[in-house]
């Protein structure tokens, strides 16, 4: 494993595309997590509004 890392550090021409791929993967994961968090927040707000509307309280 260290040989591969040393090879990539010695040849930045190969390192740049790999870093770009990693950055794109991290960005895609973050986007999915943000969307999931938004859905959870919206569902939570709707649940609280529904409970308040029917008067059962929290």
C-alpha atoms as a PDB file:
ATOM      1  CA  UNK A   1       0.000   0.000   0.000  1.00  0.00           C
ATOM      2  CA  UNK A   2       2.798   2.420   0.812  1.00  0.00           C
ATOM      3  CA  UNK A   3       4.396   1.680  -2.538  1.00  0.00           C
ATOM      4  CA  UNK A   4       1.235   2.797  -4.314  1.00  0.00           C
ATOM      5  CA  UNK A   5       1.078   5.997  -2.265  1.00  0.00           C
ATOM      6  CA  UNK A   6       4.742   6.718  -2.908  1.00  0.00           C
ATOM      7  CA  UNK A   7       4.229   6.107  -6.641  1.00  0.00           C
ATOM      8  CA  UNK A   8       1.258   8.498  -6.724  1.00  0.00           C
ATOM      9  CA  UNK A   9       3.118  11.168  -4.787  1.00  0.00           C
ATOM     10  CA  UNK A  10       6.072  10.840  -7.143  1.00  0.00           C
ATOM     11  CA  UNK A  11       3.781  11.189 -10.191  1.00  0.00           C
ATOM     12  CA  UNK A  12       1.261  13.967  -9.579  1.00  0.00           C
ATOM     13  CA  UNK A  13      -0.138  13.440 -13.060  1.00  0.00           C
ATOM     14  CA  UNK A  14      -1.853  10.282 -11.754  1.00  0.00           C
ATOM     15  CA  UNK A  15      -2.717  11.824  -8.391  1.00  0.00           C
ATOM     16  CA  UNK A  16      -4.846  14.688  -9.760  1.00  0.00           C
ATOM     17  CA  UNK A  17      -7.562  12.531 -11.430  1.00  0.00           C
ATOM     18  CA  UNK A  18      -7.768  10.289  -8.366  1.00  0.00           C
ATOM     19  CA  UNK A  19      -8.198  13.305  -6.085  1.00  0.00           C
ATOM     20  CA  UNK A  20     -10.879  14.687  -8.399  1.00  0.00           C
ATOM     21  CA  UNK A  21     -12.764  11.391  -8.271  1.00  0.00           C
ATOM     22  CA  UNK A  22     -12.529  11.307  -4.483  1.00  0.00           C
ATOM     23  CA  UNK A  23     -13.760  14.898  -4.247  1.00  0.00           C
ATOM     24  CA  UNK A  24     -16.732  14.105  -6.495  1.00  0.00           C
ATOM     25  CA  UNK A  25     -17.621  11.062  -4.401  1.00  0.00           C
ATOM     26  CA  UNK A  26     -17.428  13.046  -1.152  1.00  0.00           C
ATOM     27  CA  UNK A  27     -19.581  15.805  -2.664  1.00  0.00           C
ATOM     28  CA  UNK A  28     -22.188  13.255  -3.816  1.00  0.00           C
ATOM     29  CA  UNK A  29     -22.339  11.689  -0.348  1.00  0.00           C
ATOM     30  CA  UNK A  30     -22.701  15.109   1.295  1.00  0.00           C
ATOM     31  CA  UNK A  31     -25.503  16.048  -1.101  1.00  0.00           C
ATOM     32  CA  UNK A  32     -27.386  12.843  -0.272  1.00  0.00           C
ATOM     33  CA  UNK A  33     -26.943  13.420   3.460  1.00  0.00           C
ATOM     34  CA  UNK A  34     -28.176  17.008   3.164  1.00  0.00           C
ATOM     35  CA  UNK A  35     -31.237  15.888   1.203  1.00  0.00           C
ATOM     36  CA  UNK A  36     -31.963  13.212   3.785  1.00  0.00           C
ATOM     37  CA  UNK A  37     -31.619  15.741   6.607  1.00  0.00           C
ATOM     38  CA  UNK A  38     -33.994  18.119   4.812  1.00  0.00           C
ATOM     39  CA  UNK A  39     -36.596  15.367   4.428  1.00  0.00           C
ATOM     40  CA  UNK A  40     -36.288  14.442   8.114  1.00  0.00           C
ATOM     41  CA  UNK A  41     -36.691  18.086   9.169  1.00  0.00           C
ATOM     42  CA  UNK A  42     -39.740  18.574   6.938  1.00  0.00           C
ATOM     43  CA  UNK A  43     -41.303  15.349   8.226  1.00  0.00           C
ATOM     44  CA  UNK A  44     -40.644  16.416  11.821  1.00  0.00           C
ATOM     45  CA  UNK A  45     -42.202  19.841  11.285  1.00  0.00           C
ATOM     46  CA  UNK A  46     -45.242  18.292   9.608  1.00  0.00           C
ATOM     47  CA  UNK A  47     -45.613  15.825  12.476  1.00  0.00           C
ATOM     48  CA  UNK A  48     -45.488  18.603  15.080  1.00  0.00           C
ATOM     49  CA  UNK A  49     -48.008  20.669  13.112  1.00  0.00           C
ATOM     50  CA  UNK A  50     -50.319  17.664  12.789  1.00  0.00           C
ATOM     51  CA  UNK A  51     -50.125  16.891  16.497  1.00  0.00           C
ATOM     52  CA  UNK A  52     -50.775  20.540  17.367  1.00  0.00           C
ATOM     53  CA  UNK A  53     -53.688  20.739  14.923  1.00  0.00           C
ATOM     54  CA  UNK A  54     -55.470  17.733  16.425  1.00  0.00           C
ATOM     55  CA  UNK A  55     -54.754  19.021  19.929  1.00  0.00           C
ATOM     56  CA  UNK A  56     -53.131  15.919  21.423  1.00  0.00           C
ATOM     57  CA  UNK A  57     -50.076  17.934  22.462  1.00  0.00           C
ATOM     58  CA  UNK A  58     -46.483  16.832  22.507  1.00  0.00           C
END
